[in-house]
Amino acid sequence: MHLAASVEVRRRIRVVCGGVEERYHWCIMDAAWWWNAIWSVIPTIVIGAMFGLIIYAALNADRKVRQERKSIEVEERERFEAERARRAES
């Protein structure tokens, strides 16, 4: 029984590896399998990178808007305080 199973496994390896029996287990997975795996992962990586860039741009824009708004508020506050001081003197 054990010998028959071994012969069956060897026959399957020969079929998958193109008639060449090798010692390495990776001969069962041919190059097409690896290319399919790579092409399956590439879209996920590209879309993830695009999502990351969009989020980065949005956060960067928000940060710049907040900085600009803060500087405008400081200028307005200074102008308001100067106007208040001028009215208090009168």
PDB file of N, CA and C in Angstrom:
ATOM      1  N   MET A   1       0.828  -1.183   0.000  1.00  0.00           N
ATOM      2  CA  MET A   1       0.000   0.000   0.000  1.00  0.00           C
ATOM      3  C   MET A   1       0.875   1.251   0.000  1.00  0.00           C
ATOM      4  N   HIS A   2       1.891   1.249   0.808  1.00  0.00           N
ATOM      5  CA  HIS A   2       2.772   2.407   0.892  1.00  0.00           C
ATOM      6  C   HIS A   2       3.515   2.621  -0.431  1.00  0.00           C
ATOM      7  N   LEU A   3       3.950   1.575  -1.053  1.00  0.00           N
ATOM      8  CA  LEU A   3       4.654   1.660  -2.322  1.00  0.00           C
ATOM      9  C   LEU A   3       3.742   2.208  -3.420  1.00  0.00           C
ATOM     10  N   ALA A   4       2.500   1.793  -3.423  1.00  0.00           N
ATOM     11  CA  ALA A   4       1.553   2.266  -4.434  1.00  0.00           C
ATOM     12  C   ALA A   4       1.301   3.766  -4.278  1.00  0.00           C
ATOM     13  N   ALA A   5       1.198   4.236  -3.040  1.00  0.00           N
ATOM     14  CA  ALA A   5       0.993   5.659  -2.801  1.00  0.00           C
ATOM     15  C   ALA A   5       2.210   6.449  -3.265  1.00  0.00           C
ATOM     16  N   SER A   6       3.395   5.948  -3.023  1.00  0.00           N
ATOM     17  CA  SER A   6       4.607   6.618  -3.442  1.00  0.00           C
ATOM     18  C   SER A   6       4.684   6.723  -4.965  1.00  0.00           C
ATOM     19  N   VAL A   7       4.301   5.655  -5.649  1.00  0.00           N
ATOM     20  CA  VAL A   7       4.306   5.663  -7.113  1.00  0.00           C
ATOM     21  C   VAL A   7       3.307   6.688  -7.637  1.00  0.00           C
ATOM     22  N   GLU A   8       2.150   6.794  -7.008  1.00  0.00           N
ATOM     23  CA  GLU A   8       1.131   7.756  -7.424  1.00  0.00           C
ATOM     24  C   GLU A   8       1.624   9.194  -7.246  1.00  0.00           C
ATOM     25  N   VAL A   9       2.279   9.454  -6.136  1.00  0.00           N
ATOM     26  CA  VAL A   9       2.821  10.792  -5.888  1.00  0.00           C
ATOM     27  C   VAL A   9       3.887  11.132  -6.928  1.00  0.00           C
ATOM     28  N   ARG A  10       4.763  10.188  -7.236  1.00  0.00           N
ATOM     29  CA  ARG A  10       5.797  10.431  -8.232  1.00  0.00           C
ATOM     30  C   ARG A  10       5.190  10.678  -9.607  1.00  0.00           C
ATOM     31  N   ARG A  11       4.134   9.943  -9.932  1.00  0.00           N
ATOM     32  CA  ARG A  11       3.487  10.144 -11.222  1.00  0.00           C
ATOM     33  C   ARG A  11       2.892  11.546 -11.311  1.00  0.00           C
ATOM     34  N   ARG A  12       2.283  11.992 -10.234  1.00  0.00           N
ATOM     35  CA  ARG A  12       1.701  13.337 -10.214  1.00  0.00           C
ATOM     36  C   ARG A  12       2.793  14.395 -10.332  1.00  0.00           C
ATOM     37  N   ILE A  13       3.912  14.196  -9.653  1.00  0.00           N
ATOM     38  CA  ILE A  13       5.013  15.154  -9.744  1.00  0.00           C
ATOM     39  C   ILE A  13       5.532  15.209 -11.171  1.00  0.00           C
ATOM     40  N   ARG A  14       5.659  14.080 -11.836  1.00  0.00           N
ATOM     41  CA  ARG A  14       6.148  14.064 -13.213  1.00  0.00           C
ATOM     42  C   ARG A  14       5.203  14.837 -14.129  1.00  0.00           C
ATOM     43  N   VAL A  15       3.913  14.682 -13.911  1.00  0.00           N
ATOM     44  CA  VAL A  15       2.936  15.370 -14.755  1.00  0.00           C
ATOM     45  C   VAL A  15       3.016  16.874 -14.534  1.00  0.00           C
ATOM     46  N   VAL A  16       3.083  17.300 -13.286  1.00  0.00           N
ATOM     47  CA  VAL A  16       3.095  18.722 -12.966  1.00  0.00           C
ATOM     48  C   VAL A  16       4.395  19.374 -13.388  1.00  0.00           C
ATOM     49  N   CYS A  17       5.508  18.725 -13.198  1.00  0.00           N
ATOM     50  CA  CYS A  17       6.812  19.319 -13.468  1.00  0.00           C
ATOM     51  C   CYS A  17       7.245  19.155 -14.924  1.00  0.00           C
ATOM     52  N   GLY A  18       6.377  18.731 -15.772  1.00  0.00           N
ATOM     53  CA  GLY A  18       6.736  18.607 -17.170  1.00  0.00           C
ATOM     54  C   GLY A  18       7.602  17.394 -17.472  1.00  0.00           C
ATOM     55  N   GLY A  19       7.431  16.334 -16.745  1.00  0.00           N
ATOM     56  CA  GLY A  19       8.160  15.103 -17.007  1.00  0.00           C
ATOM     57  C   GLY A  19       9.481  15.003 -16.275  1.00  0.00           C
ATOM     58  N   VAL A  20       9.881  16.032 -15.570  1.00  0.00           N
ATOM     59  CA  VAL A  20      11.151  16.013 -14.843  1.00  0.00           C
ATOM     60  C   VAL A  20      10.843  15.929 -13.360  1.00  0.00           C
ATOM     61  N   GLU A  21      11.329  14.873 -12.738  1.00  0.00           N
ATOM     62  CA  GLU A  21      11.106  14.725 -11.309  1.00  0.00           C
ATOM     63  C   GLU A  21      12.257  15.396 -10.576  1.00  0.00           C
ATOM     64  N   GLU A  22      11.918  16.289  -9.677  1.00  0.00           N
ATOM     65  CA  GLU A  22      12.932  16.989  -8.904  1.00  0.00           C
ATOM     66  C   GLU A  22      12.720  16.698  -7.427  1.00  0.00           C
ATOM     67  N   ARG A  23      13.744  16.985  -6.659  1.00  0.00           N
ATOM     68  CA  ARG A  23      13.634  16.743  -5.218  1.00  0.00           C
ATOM     69  C   ARG A  23      12.901  17.876  -4.514  1.00  0.00           C
ATOM     70  N   TYR A  24      12.901  19.037  -5.107  1.00  0.00           N
ATOM     71  CA  TYR A  24      12.355  20.206  -4.436  1.00  0.00           C
ATOM     72  C   TYR A  24      10.837  20.233  -4.546  1.00  0.00           C
ATOM     73  N   HIS A  25      10.192  20.634  -3.470  1.00  0.00           N
ATOM     74  CA  HIS A  25       8.737  20.645  -3.466  1.00  0.00           C
ATOM     75  C   HIS A  25       8.172  21.775  -4.304  1.00  0.00           C
ATOM     76  N   TRP A  26       8.964  22.803  -4.584  1.00  0.00           N
ATOM     77  CA  TRP A  26       8.433  23.932  -5.337  1.00  0.00           C
ATOM     78  C   TRP A  26       8.249  23.623  -6.805  1.00  0.00           C
ATOM     79  N   CYS A  27       8.722  22.481  -7.260  1.00  0.00           N
ATOM     80  CA  CYS A  27       8.502  22.132  -8.665  1.00  0.00           C
ATOM     81  C   CYS A  27       7.030  21.888  -8.941  1.00  0.00           C
ATOM     82  N   ILE A  28       6.252  21.624  -7.907  1.00  0.00           N
ATOM     83  CA  ILE A  28       4.823  21.414  -8.092  1.00  0.00           C
ATOM     84  C   ILE A  28       4.159  22.721  -8.523  1.00  0.00           C
ATOM     85  N   MET A  29       4.654  23.853  -7.990  1.00  0.00           N
ATOM     86  CA  MET A  29       4.103  25.142  -8.373  1.00  0.00           C
ATOM     87  C   MET A  29       4.949  25.707  -9.516  1.00  0.00           C
ATOM     88  N   ASP A  30       4.420  25.744 -10.695  1.00  0.00           N
ATOM     89  CA  ASP A  30       5.180  26.217 -11.836  1.00  0.00           C
ATOM     90  C   ASP A  30       5.217  27.738 -11.867  1.00  0.00           C
ATOM     91  N   ALA A  31       5.914  28.280 -12.848  1.00  0.00           N
ATOM     92  CA  ALA A  31       6.111  29.726 -12.930  1.00  0.00           C
ATOM     93  C   ALA A  31       4.792  30.464 -13.146  1.00  0.00           C
ATOM     94  N   ALA A  32       3.864  29.866 -13.856  1.00  0.00           N
ATOM     95  CA  ALA A  32       2.584  30.532 -14.092  1.00  0.00           C
ATOM     96  C   ALA A  32       1.855  30.799 -12.777  1.00  0.00           C
ATOM     97  N   TRP A  33       1.977  29.911 -11.830  1.00  0.00           N
ATOM     98  CA  TRP A  33       1.329  30.123 -10.536  1.00  0.00           C
ATOM     99  C   TRP A  33       1.896  31.355  -9.847  1.00  0.00           C
ATOM    100  N   TRP A  34       3.225  31.500  -9.886  1.00  0.00           N
ATOM    101  CA  TRP A  34       3.858  32.659  -9.253  1.00  0.00           C
ATOM    102  C   TRP A  34       3.468  33.957  -9.956  1.00  0.00           C
ATOM    103  N   TRP A  35       3.439  33.940 -11.298  1.00  0.00           N
ATOM    104  CA  TRP A  35       3.026  35.151 -12.017  1.00  0.00           C
ATOM    105  C   TRP A  35       1.584  35.502 -11.702  1.00  0.00           C
ATOM    106  N   ASN A  36       0.729  34.506 -11.608  1.00  0.00           N
ATOM    107  CA  ASN A  36      -0.660  34.773 -11.241  1.00  0.00           C
ATOM    108  C   ASN A  36      -0.747  35.361  -9.836  1.00  0.00           C
ATOM    109  N   ALA A  37       0.061  34.854  -8.930  1.00  0.00           N
ATOM    110  CA  ALA A  37       0.060  35.385  -7.565  1.00  0.00           C
ATOM    111  C   ALA A  37       0.533  36.837  -7.547  1.00  0.00           C
ATOM    112  N   ILE A  38       1.577  37.130  -8.297  1.00  0.00           N
ATOM    113  CA  ILE A  38       2.099  38.501  -8.346  1.00  0.00           C
ATOM    114  C   ILE A  38       1.072  39.439  -8.961  1.00  0.00           C
ATOM    115  N   TRP A  39       0.490  39.042 -10.099  1.00  0.00           N
ATOM    116  CA  TRP A  39      -0.499  39.888 -10.755  1.00  0.00           C
ATOM    117  C   TRP A  39      -1.773  40.019  -9.928  1.00  0.00           C
ATOM    118  N   SER A  40      -2.006  39.117  -9.025  1.00  0.00           N
ATOM    119  CA  SER A  40      -3.164  39.237  -8.146  1.00  0.00           C
ATOM    120  C   SER A  40      -2.913  40.229  -7.020  1.00  0.00           C
ATOM    121  N   VAL A  41      -1.682  40.372  -6.609  1.00  0.00           N
ATOM    122  CA  VAL A  41      -1.342  41.254  -5.491  1.00  0.00           C
ATOM    123  C   VAL A  41      -1.078  42.687  -5.957  1.00  0.00           C
ATOM    124  N   ILE A  42      -0.594  42.858  -7.167  1.00  0.00           N
ATOM    125  CA  ILE A  42      -0.223  44.191  -7.659  1.00  0.00           C
ATOM    126  C   ILE A  42      -1.398  45.179  -7.606  1.00  0.00           C
ATOM    127  N   PRO A  43      -2.601  44.851  -8.070  1.00  0.00           N
ATOM    128  CA  PRO A  43      -3.699  45.830  -7.979  1.00  0.00           C
ATOM    129  C   PRO A  43      -3.998  46.267  -6.547  1.00  0.00           C
ATOM    130  N   THR A  44      -3.909  45.346  -5.617  1.00  0.00           N
ATOM    131  CA  THR A  44      -4.148  45.698  -4.218  1.00  0.00           C
ATOM    132  C   THR A  44      -3.102  46.680  -3.719  1.00  0.00           C
ATOM    133  N   ILE A  45      -1.856  46.454  -4.078  1.00  0.00           N
ATOM    134  CA  ILE A  45      -0.777  47.352  -3.665  1.00  0.00           C
ATOM    135  C   ILE A  45      -0.948  48.730  -4.301  1.00  0.00           C
ATOM    136  N   VAL A  46      -1.275  48.767  -5.597  1.00  0.00           N
ATOM    137  CA  VAL A  46      -1.444  50.049  -6.295  1.00  0.00           C
ATOM    138  C   VAL A  46      -2.611  50.835  -5.709  1.00  0.00           C
ATOM    139  N   ILE A  47      -3.741  50.176  -5.498  1.00  0.00           N
ATOM    140  CA  ILE A  47      -4.894  50.876  -4.935  1.00  0.00           C
ATOM    141  C   ILE A  47      -4.610  51.335  -3.512  1.00  0.00           C
ATOM    142  N   GLY A  48      -3.904  50.521  -2.743  1.00  0.00           N
ATOM    143  CA  GLY A  48      -3.522  50.936  -1.392  1.00  0.00           C
ATOM    144  C   GLY A  48      -2.602  52.144  -1.403  1.00  0.00           C
ATOM    145  N   ALA A  49      -1.661  52.176  -2.348  1.00  0.00           N
ATOM    146  CA  ALA A  49      -0.754  53.323  -2.460  1.00  0.00           C
ATOM    147  C   ALA A  49      -1.524  54.578  -2.862  1.00  0.00           C
ATOM    148  N   MET A  50      -2.451  54.435  -3.796  1.00  0.00           N
ATOM    149  CA  MET A  50      -3.257  55.592  -4.200  1.00  0.00           C
ATOM    150  C   MET A  50      -4.099  56.094  -3.033  1.00  0.00           C
ATOM    151  N   PHE A  51      -4.691  55.185  -2.276  1.00  0.00           N
ATOM    152  CA  PHE A  51      -5.478  55.578  -1.109  1.00  0.00           C
ATOM    153  C   PHE A  51      -4.604  56.309  -0.098  1.00  0.00           C
ATOM    154  N   GLY A  52      -3.401  55.776   0.129  1.00  0.00           N
ATOM    155  CA  GLY A  52      -2.487  56.431   1.064  1.00  0.00           C
ATOM    156  C   GLY A  52      -2.105  57.826   0.621  1.00  0.00           C
ATOM    157  N   LEU A  53      -1.850  58.013  -0.677  1.00  0.00           N
ATOM    158  CA  LEU A  53      -1.508  59.339  -1.191  1.00  0.00           C
ATOM    159  C   LEU A  53      -2.678  60.307  -1.063  1.00  0.00           C
ATOM    160  N   ILE A  54      -3.884  59.827  -1.326  1.00  0.00           N
ATOM    161  CA  ILE A  54      -5.062  60.694  -1.187  1.00  0.00           C
ATOM    162  C   ILE A  54      -5.253  61.109   0.263  1.00  0.00           C
ATOM    163  N   ILE A  55      -5.125  60.177   1.186  1.00  0.00           N
ATOM    164  CA  ILE A  55      -5.265  60.511   2.607  1.00  0.00           C
ATOM    165  C   ILE A  55      -4.166  61.481   3.043  1.00  0.00           C
ATOM    166  N   TYR A  56      -2.933  61.239   2.581  1.00  0.00           N
ATOM    167  CA  TYR A  56      -1.825  62.134   2.915  1.00  0.00           C
ATOM    168  C   TYR A  56      -2.101  63.548   2.405  1.00  0.00           C
ATOM    169  N   ALA A  57      -2.569  63.652   1.156  1.00  0.00           N
ATOM    170  CA  ALA A  57      -2.856  64.972   0.588  1.00  0.00           C
ATOM    171  C   ALA A  57      -3.969  65.672   1.364  1.00  0.00           C
ATOM    172  N   ALA A  58      -5.005  64.930   1.737  1.00  0.00           N
ATOM    173  CA  ALA A  58      -6.109  65.534   2.485  1.00  0.00           C
ATOM    174  C   ALA A  58      -5.647  66.024   3.852  1.00  0.00           C
ATOM    175  N   LEU A  59      -4.864  65.220   4.545  1.00  0.00           N
ATOM    176  CA  LEU A  59      -4.373  65.633   5.869  1.00  0.00           C
ATOM    177  C   LEU A  59      -3.410  66.801   5.769  1.00  0.00           C
ATOM    178  N   ASN A  60      -2.569  66.797   4.740  1.00  0.00           N
ATOM    179  CA  ASN A  60      -1.624  67.887   4.537  1.00  0.00           C
ATOM    180  C   ASN A  60      -2.376  69.187   4.231  1.00  0.00           C
ATOM    181  N   ALA A  61      -3.395  69.119   3.375  1.00  0.00           N
ATOM    182  CA  ALA A  61      -4.195  70.296   3.058  1.00  0.00           C
ATOM    183  C   ALA A  61      -4.907  70.802   4.306  1.00  0.00           C
ATOM    184  N   ASP A  62      -5.450  69.904   5.106  1.00  0.00           N
ATOM    185  CA  ASP A  62      -6.131  70.304   6.334  1.00  0.00           C
ATOM    186  C   ASP A  62      -5.170  71.003   7.288  1.00  0.00           C
ATOM    187  N   ARG A  63      -3.969  70.480   7.389  1.00  0.00           N
ATOM    188  CA  ARG A  63      -2.977  71.093   8.268  1.00  0.00           C
ATOM    189  C   ARG A  63      -2.634  72.500   7.802  1.00  0.00           C
ATOM    190  N   LYS A  64      -2.470  72.673   6.499  1.00  0.00           N
ATOM    191  CA  LYS A  64      -2.131  73.998   5.963  1.00  0.00           C
ATOM    192  C   LYS A  64      -3.280  74.979   6.153  1.00  0.00           C
ATOM    193  N   VAL A  65      -4.514  74.523   5.966  1.00  0.00           N
ATOM    194  CA  VAL A  65      -5.677  75.392   6.165  1.00  0.00           C
ATOM    195  C   VAL A  65      -5.758  75.808   7.624  1.00  0.00           C
ATOM    196  N   ARG A  66      -5.515  74.882   8.538  1.00  0.00           N
ATOM    197  CA  ARG A  66      -5.551  75.227   9.967  1.00  0.00           C
ATOM    198  C   ARG A  66      -4.464  76.242  10.329  1.00  0.00           C
ATOM    199  N   GLN A  67      -3.277  76.086   9.761  1.00  0.00           N
ATOM    200  CA  GLN A  67      -2.207  77.050  10.021  1.00  0.00           C
ATOM    201  C   GLN A  67      -2.582  78.431   9.491  1.00  0.00           C
ATOM    202  N   GLU A  68      -3.125  78.474   8.284  1.00  0.00           N
ATOM    203  CA  GLU A  68      -3.526  79.753   7.697  1.00  0.00           C
ATOM    204  C   GLU A  68      -4.646  80.393   8.501  1.00  0.00           C
ATOM    205  N   ARG A  69      -5.618  79.591   8.904  1.00  0.00           N
ATOM    206  CA  ARG A  69      -6.725  80.119   9.701  1.00  0.00           C
ATOM    207  C   ARG A  69      -6.213  80.659  11.038  1.00  0.00           C
ATOM    208  N   LYS A  70      -5.262  79.964  11.637  1.00  0.00           N
ATOM    209  CA  LYS A  70      -4.705  80.427  12.914  1.00  0.00           C
ATOM    210  C   LYS A  70      -3.987  81.770  12.747  1.00  0.00           C
ATOM    211  N   SER A  71      -3.224  81.902  11.660  1.00  0.00           N
ATOM    212  CA  SER A  71      -2.516  83.179  11.449  1.00  0.00           C
ATOM    213  C   SER A  71      -3.505  84.311  11.179  1.00  0.00           C
ATOM    214  N   ILE A  72      -4.593  84.033  10.455  1.00  0.00           N
ATOM    215  CA  ILE A  72      -5.618  85.059  10.210  1.00  0.00           C
ATOM    216  C   ILE A  72      -6.296  85.442  11.520  1.00  0.00           C
ATOM    217  N   GLU A  73      -6.599  84.466  12.363  1.00  0.00           N
ATOM    218  CA  GLU A  73      -7.228  84.758  13.649  1.00  0.00           C
ATOM    219  C   GLU A  73      -6.317  85.604  14.530  1.00  0.00           C
ATOM    220  N   VAL A  74      -5.014  85.320  14.505  1.00  0.00           N
ATOM    221  CA  VAL A  74      -4.066  86.121  15.293  1.00  0.00           C
ATOM    222  C   VAL A  74      -4.062  87.552  14.790  1.00  0.00           C
ATOM    223  N   GLU A  75      -4.016  87.741  13.462  1.00  0.00           N
ATOM    224  CA  GLU A  75      -4.046  89.095  12.893  1.00  0.00           C
ATOM    225  C   GLU A  75      -5.339  89.812  13.260  1.00  0.00           C
ATOM    226  N   GLU A  76      -6.483  89.133  13.153  1.00  0.00           N
ATOM    227  CA  GLU A  76      -7.769  89.741  13.498  1.00  0.00           C
ATOM    228  C   GLU A  76      -7.830  90.098  14.974  1.00  0.00           C
ATOM    229  N   ARG A  77      -7.321  89.226  15.825  1.00  0.00           N
ATOM    230  CA  ARG A  77      -7.324  89.502  17.263  1.00  0.00           C
ATOM    231  C   ARG A  77      -6.469  90.730  17.578  1.00  0.00           C
ATOM    232  N   GLU A  78      -5.292  90.831  16.941  1.00  0.00           N
ATOM    233  CA  GLU A  78      -4.429  91.995  17.160  1.00  0.00           C
ATOM    234  C   GLU A  78      -5.108  93.274  16.680  1.00  0.00           C
ATOM    235  N   ARG A  79      -5.750  93.197  15.521  1.00  0.00           N
ATOM    236  CA  ARG A  79      -6.455  94.370  15.012  1.00  0.00           C
ATOM    237  C   ARG A  79      -7.601  94.761  15.940  1.00  0.00           C
ATOM    238  N   PHE A  80      -8.345  93.780  16.428  1.00  0.00           N
ATOM    239  CA  PHE A  80      -9.458  94.037  17.334  1.00  0.00           C
ATOM    240  C   PHE A  80      -8.964  94.652  18.642  1.00  0.00           C
ATOM    241  N   GLU A  81      -7.875  94.105  19.184  1.00  0.00           N
ATOM    242  CA  GLU A  81      -7.328  94.647  20.436  1.00  0.00           C
ATOM    243  C   GLU A  81      -6.809  96.078  20.226  1.00  0.00           C
ATOM    244  N   ALA A  82      -6.205  96.354  19.079  1.00  0.00           N
ATOM    245  CA  ALA A  82      -5.707  97.698  18.807  1.00  0.00           C
ATOM    246  C   ALA A  82      -6.876  98.667  18.684  1.00  0.00           C
ATOM    247  N   GLU A  83      -7.944  98.243  18.026  1.00  0.00           N
ATOM    248  CA  GLU A  83      -9.117  99.083  17.894  1.00  0.00           C
ATOM    249  C   GLU A  83      -9.772  99.330  19.245  1.00  0.00           C
ATOM    250  N   ARG A  84      -9.817  98.306  20.080  1.00  0.00           N
ATOM    251  CA  ARG A  84     -10.393  98.432  21.430  1.00  0.00           C
ATOM    252  C   ARG A  84      -9.549  99.403  22.271  1.00  0.00           C
ATOM    253  N   ALA A  85      -8.222  99.295  22.166  1.00  0.00           N
ATOM    254  CA  ALA A  85      -7.338 100.184  22.926  1.00  0.00           C
ATOM    255  C   ALA A  85      -7.502 101.622  22.446  1.00  0.00           C
ATOM    256  N   ARG A  86      -7.652 101.821  21.114  1.00  0.00           N
ATOM    257  CA  ARG A  86      -7.817 103.165  20.576  1.00  0.00           C
ATOM    258  C   ARG A  86      -9.139 103.774  21.061  1.00  0.00           C
ATOM    259  N   ARG A  87     -10.207 102.964  21.131  1.00  0.00           N
ATOM    260  CA  ARG A  87     -11.509 103.459  21.616  1.00  0.00           C
ATOM    261  C   ARG A  87     -11.445 103.781  23.109  1.00  0.00           C
ATOM    262  N   ALA A  88     -10.667 102.992  23.860  1.00  0.00           N
ATOM    263  CA  ALA A  88     -10.567 103.211  25.300  1.00  0.00           C
ATOM    264  C   ALA A  88      -9.833 104.526  25.586  1.00  0.00           C
ATOM    265  N   GLU A  89      -8.904 104.910  24.717  1.00  0.00           N
ATOM    266  CA  GLU A  89      -8.164 106.145  24.907  1.00  0.00           C
ATOM    267  C   GLU A  89      -9.051 107.366  24.639  1.00  0.00           C
ATOM    268  N   SER A  90     -10.044 107.184  23.771  1.00  0.00           N
ATOM    269  CA  SER A  90     -10.879 108.325  23.410  1.00  0.00           C
ATOM    270  C   SER A  90     -11.882 108.672  24.462  1.00  0.00           C
TER     271      SER A  90
END
